[in-house]
Amino acid sequence: MRTKVEPYLPYEYTCEGMLERVHAYIQNQEFCAPEAPFSSANASSSWPGSPPSPFVLLSNSSALAWASNISTPPSWPPLSALRLLASLEGQSCIDACQSAGLICEPAFYRFINIKEAFSG
């Protein structure tokens, strides 16, 4: 048992290798130009569709959904899965969604946080 084994550390696990991986990861990301959900989201003009809001009230429910007569920009998850609930005063959005059996999906925020979503 007097064999001396030299430890081996692959380049990927060295400090320099880690920095290369982080550099490659960051260089291939687009942090500065978030895609607008649709052209009218930041425009001062009114919503192009009819009704004036992109959401409709679901039957037998207090939840809102994306209106079928409004064109849907490509997104994942699809906008057909979007449901909006109003939480009670003092209740967090997460608690309101969980009590209705739903999950808060951050990918939908860019479609919800627009002026037209609150007028209608």
N, C-alpha and C. Protein backbone atom coordinates (compact mmCIF):
# COMPACT_ATOMS: atom_id res chain seq x y z
N MET A 1 0.80 -1.18 0.00
CA MET A 1 0.00 0.00 0.00
C MET A 1 0.85 1.26 0.00
N ARG A 2 1.99 1.17 -0.55
CA ARG A 2 2.84 2.34 -0.61
C ARG A 2 2.74 3.02 -1.97
N THR A 3 1.73 2.65 -2.74
CA THR A 3 1.54 3.27 -4.04
C THR A 3 1.06 4.69 -3.84
N LYS A 4 1.71 5.61 -4.48
CA LYS A 4 1.33 7.01 -4.36
C LYS A 4 0.44 7.37 -5.55
N VAL A 5 -0.75 7.80 -5.26
CA VAL A 5 -1.71 8.14 -6.30
C VAL A 5 -1.76 9.66 -6.42
N GLU A 6 -1.55 10.13 -7.62
CA GLU A 6 -1.65 11.57 -7.88
C GLU A 6 -3.13 11.95 -8.03
N PRO A 7 -3.58 12.93 -7.31
CA PRO A 7 -4.98 13.34 -7.47
C PRO A 7 -5.19 13.97 -8.85
N TYR A 8 -6.37 13.73 -9.40
CA TYR A 8 -6.69 14.28 -10.72
C TYR A 8 -7.90 15.18 -10.59
N LEU A 9 -7.77 16.40 -11.06
CA LEU A 9 -8.87 17.35 -11.06
C LEU A 9 -9.12 17.77 -12.49
N PRO A 10 -10.26 17.38 -13.06
CA PRO A 10 -10.55 17.77 -14.45
C PRO A 10 -10.58 19.29 -14.57
N TYR A 11 -10.21 19.79 -15.73
CA TYR A 11 -10.14 21.24 -15.98
C TYR A 11 -11.48 21.90 -15.70
N GLU A 12 -12.58 21.23 -16.02
CA GLU A 12 -13.91 21.81 -15.85
C GLU A 12 -14.21 22.14 -14.39
N TYR A 13 -13.53 21.45 -13.45
CA TYR A 13 -13.78 21.67 -12.03
C TYR A 13 -12.77 22.61 -11.38
N THR A 14 -11.87 23.18 -12.16
CA THR A 14 -10.95 24.18 -11.63
C THR A 14 -11.64 25.53 -11.61
N CYS A 15 -11.04 26.49 -10.94
CA CYS A 15 -11.61 27.84 -10.90
C CYS A 15 -11.71 28.42 -12.30
N GLU A 16 -10.66 28.23 -13.10
CA GLU A 16 -10.67 28.76 -14.46
C GLU A 16 -11.74 28.09 -15.31
N GLY A 17 -11.91 26.79 -15.16
CA GLY A 17 -12.95 26.09 -15.91
C GLY A 17 -14.34 26.56 -15.54
N MET A 18 -14.56 26.81 -14.25
CA MET A 18 -15.86 27.32 -13.80
C MET A 18 -16.12 28.70 -14.38
N LEU A 19 -15.11 29.56 -14.38
CA LEU A 19 -15.27 30.90 -14.95
C LEU A 19 -15.59 30.83 -16.44
N GLU A 20 -14.99 29.89 -17.14
CA GLU A 20 -15.31 29.72 -18.57
C GLU A 20 -16.76 29.31 -18.76
N ARG A 21 -17.25 28.42 -17.92
CA ARG A 21 -18.64 27.98 -18.04
C ARG A 21 -19.60 29.12 -17.74
N VAL A 22 -19.32 29.89 -16.70
CA VAL A 22 -20.17 31.03 -16.36
C VAL A 22 -20.14 32.06 -17.48
N HIS A 23 -18.96 32.33 -18.04
CA HIS A 23 -18.83 33.28 -19.14
C HIS A 23 -19.66 32.81 -20.34
N ALA A 24 -19.55 31.54 -20.70
CA ALA A 24 -20.31 31.02 -21.84
C ALA A 24 -21.81 31.11 -21.58
N TYR A 25 -22.22 30.83 -20.36
CA TYR A 25 -23.64 30.89 -20.01
C TYR A 25 -24.17 32.32 -20.13
N ILE A 26 -23.45 33.27 -19.58
CA ILE A 26 -23.90 34.66 -19.59
C ILE A 26 -23.87 35.24 -20.99
N GLN A 27 -22.87 34.92 -21.78
CA GLN A 27 -22.76 35.48 -23.12
C GLN A 27 -23.89 35.01 -24.03
N ASN A 28 -24.49 33.89 -23.72
CA ASN A 28 -25.56 33.37 -24.56
C ASN A 28 -26.95 33.67 -24.00
N GLN A 29 -27.04 34.59 -23.06
CA GLN A 29 -28.32 35.01 -22.50
C GLN A 29 -28.66 36.39 -23.03
N GLU A 30 -29.96 36.70 -23.05
CA GLU A 30 -30.41 38.03 -23.47
C GLU A 30 -31.11 38.67 -22.29
N PHE A 31 -30.35 39.45 -21.51
CA PHE A 31 -30.90 40.08 -20.32
C PHE A 31 -31.43 41.48 -20.57
N CYS A 32 -30.96 42.12 -21.61
CA CYS A 32 -31.21 43.56 -21.77
C CYS A 32 -32.46 43.91 -22.56
N ALA A 33 -32.94 43.04 -23.40
CA ALA A 33 -34.06 43.39 -24.27
C ALA A 33 -35.20 42.40 -24.08
N PRO A 34 -35.98 42.54 -23.00
CA PRO A 34 -37.12 41.62 -22.85
C PRO A 34 -38.13 41.85 -23.96
N GLU A 35 -38.66 40.78 -24.44
CA GLU A 35 -39.62 40.84 -25.54
C GLU A 35 -40.95 41.36 -25.03
N ALA A 36 -41.49 42.34 -25.71
CA ALA A 36 -42.81 42.85 -25.35
C ALA A 36 -43.85 41.80 -25.74
N PRO A 37 -44.89 41.61 -24.93
CA PRO A 37 -45.87 40.57 -25.23
C PRO A 37 -46.64 40.84 -26.51
N PHE A 38 -46.90 42.09 -26.82
CA PHE A 38 -47.56 42.46 -28.05
C PHE A 38 -47.32 43.94 -28.26
N SER A 39 -47.55 44.43 -29.44
CA SER A 39 -47.14 45.78 -29.78
C SER A 39 -47.83 46.85 -28.95
N SER A 40 -49.05 46.62 -28.51
CA SER A 40 -49.78 47.68 -27.81
C SER A 40 -49.52 47.71 -26.32
N ALA A 41 -48.70 46.81 -25.79
CA ALA A 41 -48.52 46.73 -24.35
C ALA A 41 -47.99 48.02 -23.75
N ASN A 42 -47.08 48.69 -24.43
CA ASN A 42 -46.52 49.92 -23.89
C ASN A 42 -46.99 51.15 -24.65
N ALA A 43 -47.87 50.98 -25.59
CA ALA A 43 -48.35 52.10 -26.38
C ALA A 43 -49.44 52.83 -25.61
N SER A 44 -49.65 54.08 -25.95
CA SER A 44 -50.68 54.84 -25.25
C SER A 44 -52.05 54.64 -25.88
N SER A 45 -52.11 53.99 -27.02
CA SER A 45 -53.40 53.76 -27.66
C SER A 45 -54.17 52.68 -26.91
N SER A 46 -55.45 52.57 -27.17
CA SER A 46 -56.27 51.59 -26.46
C SER A 46 -56.05 50.20 -27.06
N TRP A 47 -56.56 49.20 -26.36
CA TRP A 47 -56.42 47.80 -26.77
C TRP A 47 -57.04 47.62 -28.15
N PRO A 48 -56.32 46.94 -29.09
CA PRO A 48 -56.81 46.84 -30.46
C PRO A 48 -58.01 45.94 -30.65
N GLY A 49 -58.28 45.09 -29.68
CA GLY A 49 -59.37 44.13 -29.87
C GLY A 49 -60.68 44.61 -29.31
N SER A 50 -61.68 43.76 -29.47
CA SER A 50 -62.96 44.01 -28.86
C SER A 50 -63.31 42.73 -28.13
N PRO A 51 -63.53 42.75 -26.88
CA PRO A 51 -63.76 43.80 -25.91
C PRO A 51 -62.49 44.60 -25.61
N PRO A 52 -62.65 45.69 -24.84
CA PRO A 52 -61.49 46.53 -24.56
C PRO A 52 -60.43 45.87 -23.69
N SER A 53 -60.75 44.77 -23.04
CA SER A 53 -59.78 44.04 -22.24
C SER A 53 -59.52 42.69 -22.90
N PRO A 54 -58.30 42.15 -22.80
CA PRO A 54 -58.02 40.84 -23.40
C PRO A 54 -58.57 39.67 -22.59
N PHE A 55 -59.26 39.93 -21.48
CA PHE A 55 -59.75 38.86 -20.61
C PHE A 55 -61.27 38.83 -20.57
N VAL A 56 -61.82 37.63 -20.38
CA VAL A 56 -63.27 37.44 -20.25
C VAL A 56 -63.54 36.65 -18.98
N LEU A 57 -64.72 36.85 -18.41
CA LEU A 57 -65.13 36.13 -17.21
C LEU A 57 -65.55 34.72 -17.60
N LEU A 58 -65.01 33.72 -16.91
CA LEU A 58 -65.39 32.33 -17.17
C LEU A 58 -66.77 32.06 -16.61
N SER A 59 -67.54 31.21 -17.29
CA SER A 59 -68.88 30.89 -16.81
C SER A 59 -68.79 30.09 -15.51
N ASN A 60 -69.71 30.35 -14.60
CA ASN A 60 -69.78 29.69 -13.29
C ASN A 60 -68.48 29.84 -12.50
N SER A 61 -67.82 30.97 -12.63
CA SER A 61 -66.56 31.17 -11.94
C SER A 61 -66.32 32.66 -11.74
N SER A 62 -65.43 32.98 -10.82
CA SER A 62 -65.02 34.37 -10.65
C SER A 62 -63.66 34.61 -11.29
N ALA A 63 -63.15 33.62 -12.01
CA ALA A 63 -61.84 33.73 -12.66
C ALA A 63 -61.98 34.31 -14.06
N LEU A 64 -60.94 34.96 -14.50
CA LEU A 64 -60.88 35.49 -15.86
C LEU A 64 -59.95 34.62 -16.69
N ALA A 65 -60.18 34.59 -18.00
CA ALA A 65 -59.32 33.85 -18.93
C ALA A 65 -59.05 34.72 -20.14
N TRP A 66 -58.05 34.34 -20.93
CA TRP A 66 -57.72 35.06 -22.16
C TRP A 66 -58.89 34.91 -23.13
N ALA A 67 -59.36 36.01 -23.69
CA ALA A 67 -60.50 35.99 -24.60
C ALA A 67 -60.16 35.24 -25.88
N SER A 68 -61.09 34.43 -26.37
CA SER A 68 -60.83 33.63 -27.57
C SER A 68 -60.78 34.47 -28.83
N ASN A 69 -61.40 35.66 -28.83
CA ASN A 69 -61.38 36.49 -30.03
C ASN A 69 -60.16 37.42 -30.08
N ILE A 70 -59.27 37.32 -29.11
CA ILE A 70 -58.03 38.10 -29.08
C ILE A 70 -56.91 37.19 -29.58
N SER A 71 -56.12 37.69 -30.51
CA SER A 71 -55.02 36.87 -31.03
C SER A 71 -54.03 36.61 -29.90
N THR A 72 -53.47 35.42 -29.89
CA THR A 72 -52.54 35.04 -28.85
C THR A 72 -51.13 34.99 -29.41
N PRO A 73 -50.24 35.79 -28.84
CA PRO A 73 -48.85 35.70 -29.27
C PRO A 73 -48.26 34.36 -28.83
N PRO A 74 -47.26 33.85 -29.54
CA PRO A 74 -46.68 32.57 -29.15
C PRO A 74 -46.04 32.67 -27.76
N SER A 75 -46.40 31.78 -26.88
CA SER A 75 -45.83 31.78 -25.54
C SER A 75 -45.95 30.38 -24.95
N TRP A 76 -45.14 30.13 -23.94
CA TRP A 76 -45.25 28.89 -23.19
C TRP A 76 -45.23 29.24 -21.71
N PRO A 77 -46.14 28.77 -20.94
CA PRO A 77 -47.30 27.97 -21.28
C PRO A 77 -48.28 28.76 -22.14
N PRO A 78 -49.14 28.06 -22.88
CA PRO A 78 -50.06 28.76 -23.78
C PRO A 78 -51.04 29.63 -22.99
N LEU A 79 -51.49 30.71 -23.62
CA LEU A 79 -52.40 31.63 -22.94
C LEU A 79 -53.75 31.01 -22.66
N SER A 80 -54.07 29.91 -23.30
CA SER A 80 -55.34 29.23 -23.00
C SER A 80 -55.33 28.66 -21.58
N ALA A 81 -54.15 28.50 -20.98
CA ALA A 81 -54.04 28.00 -19.61
C ALA A 81 -54.11 29.12 -18.57
N LEU A 82 -54.12 30.36 -19.01
CA LEU A 82 -54.12 31.51 -18.10
C LEU A 82 -55.47 31.67 -17.41
N ARG A 83 -55.46 31.78 -16.08
CA ARG A 83 -56.64 32.08 -15.28
C ARG A 83 -56.25 33.19 -14.32
N LEU A 84 -57.09 34.20 -14.22
CA LEU A 84 -56.84 35.32 -13.31
C LEU A 84 -57.83 35.28 -12.16
N LEU A 85 -57.33 35.45 -10.96
CA LEU A 85 -58.17 35.52 -9.77
C LEU A 85 -57.88 36.82 -9.04
N ALA A 86 -58.88 37.36 -8.39
CA ALA A 86 -58.68 38.51 -7.52
C ALA A 86 -58.58 37.99 -6.09
N SER A 87 -57.51 38.33 -5.41
CA SER A 87 -57.36 37.88 -4.03
C SER A 87 -58.14 38.79 -3.10
N LEU A 88 -58.45 38.27 -1.93
CA LEU A 88 -59.11 39.07 -0.91
C LEU A 88 -58.13 40.09 -0.35
N GLU A 89 -58.64 41.14 0.24
CA GLU A 89 -57.76 42.14 0.83
C GLU A 89 -56.92 41.49 1.92
N GLY A 90 -55.62 41.68 1.85
CA GLY A 90 -54.71 41.09 2.83
C GLY A 90 -54.27 39.68 2.49
N GLN A 91 -54.82 39.09 1.45
CA GLN A 91 -54.46 37.73 1.05
C GLN A 91 -53.41 37.82 -0.05
N SER A 92 -52.36 37.00 0.04
CA SER A 92 -51.33 37.03 -0.98
C SER A 92 -51.84 36.37 -2.26
N CYS A 93 -51.22 36.72 -3.37
CA CYS A 93 -51.60 36.13 -4.65
C CYS A 93 -51.38 34.61 -4.64
N ILE A 94 -50.29 34.19 -4.03
CA ILE A 94 -49.98 32.75 -3.98
C ILE A 94 -51.06 32.01 -3.20
N ASP A 95 -51.49 32.56 -2.06
CA ASP A 95 -52.54 31.91 -1.26
C ASP A 95 -53.86 31.86 -2.03
N ALA A 96 -54.19 32.93 -2.76
CA ALA A 96 -55.43 32.95 -3.53
C ALA A 96 -55.40 31.88 -4.62
N CYS A 97 -54.29 31.76 -5.31
CA CYS A 97 -54.18 30.75 -6.36
C CYS A 97 -54.24 29.34 -5.78
N GLN A 98 -53.51 29.11 -4.69
CA GLN A 98 -53.50 27.77 -4.09
C GLN A 98 -54.86 27.37 -3.56
N SER A 99 -55.62 28.32 -3.02
CA SER A 99 -56.95 27.97 -2.50
C SER A 99 -57.91 27.61 -3.63
N ALA A 100 -57.62 28.07 -4.85
CA ALA A 100 -58.45 27.72 -6.02
C ALA A 100 -57.86 26.55 -6.79
N GLY A 101 -56.78 25.96 -6.28
CA GLY A 101 -56.16 24.82 -6.96
C GLY A 101 -55.33 25.23 -8.17
N LEU A 102 -54.87 26.47 -8.18
CA LEU A 102 -54.06 26.97 -9.30
C LEU A 102 -52.64 27.25 -8.83
N ILE A 103 -51.76 27.47 -9.80
CA ILE A 103 -50.36 27.79 -9.53
C ILE A 103 -50.06 29.15 -10.13
N CYS A 104 -49.39 30.02 -9.38
CA CYS A 104 -48.96 31.31 -9.94
C CYS A 104 -47.82 31.05 -10.92
N GLU A 105 -48.00 31.46 -12.15
CA GLU A 105 -47.00 31.22 -13.20
C GLU A 105 -46.39 32.55 -13.63
N PRO A 106 -45.12 32.80 -13.27
CA PRO A 106 -44.48 34.06 -13.62
C PRO A 106 -44.40 34.33 -15.12
N ALA A 107 -44.45 33.32 -15.95
CA ALA A 107 -44.39 33.53 -17.41
C ALA A 107 -45.60 34.31 -17.90
N PHE A 108 -46.70 34.31 -17.16
CA PHE A 108 -47.90 35.04 -17.57
C PHE A 108 -47.88 36.51 -17.13
N TYR A 109 -46.97 36.90 -16.25
CA TYR A 109 -46.97 38.26 -15.72
C TYR A 109 -46.91 39.31 -16.81
N ARG A 110 -46.16 39.05 -17.88
CA ARG A 110 -46.04 40.07 -18.93
C ARG A 110 -47.35 40.28 -19.67
N PHE A 111 -48.28 39.35 -19.61
CA PHE A 111 -49.59 39.52 -20.23
C PHE A 111 -50.60 40.12 -19.26
N ILE A 112 -50.34 39.99 -17.98
CA ILE A 112 -51.26 40.48 -16.96
C ILE A 112 -50.95 41.92 -16.56
N ASN A 113 -49.68 42.25 -16.45
CA ASN A 113 -49.27 43.56 -15.96
C ASN A 113 -49.30 44.61 -17.06
N ILE A 114 -50.47 44.80 -17.63
CA ILE A 114 -50.67 45.82 -18.66
C ILE A 114 -51.92 46.62 -18.29
N LYS A 115 -51.98 47.83 -18.77
CA LYS A 115 -53.10 48.72 -18.44
C LYS A 115 -54.44 48.12 -18.87
N GLU A 116 -54.48 47.50 -20.03
CA GLU A 116 -55.74 46.96 -20.56
C GLU A 116 -56.30 45.83 -19.71
N ALA A 117 -55.45 45.13 -18.99
CA ALA A 117 -55.92 44.03 -18.15
C ALA A 117 -56.77 44.53 -16.99
N PHE A 118 -56.57 45.78 -16.60
CA PHE A 118 -57.29 46.32 -15.45
C PHE A 118 -58.43 47.24 -15.85
N SER A 119 -58.68 47.39 -17.13
CA SER A 119 -59.79 48.22 -17.59
C SER A 119 -60.80 47.34 -18.28
N GLY A 120 -61.89 47.11 -17.69
CA GLY A 120 -62.85 46.27 -18.37
C GLY A 120 -63.77 45.55 -17.49
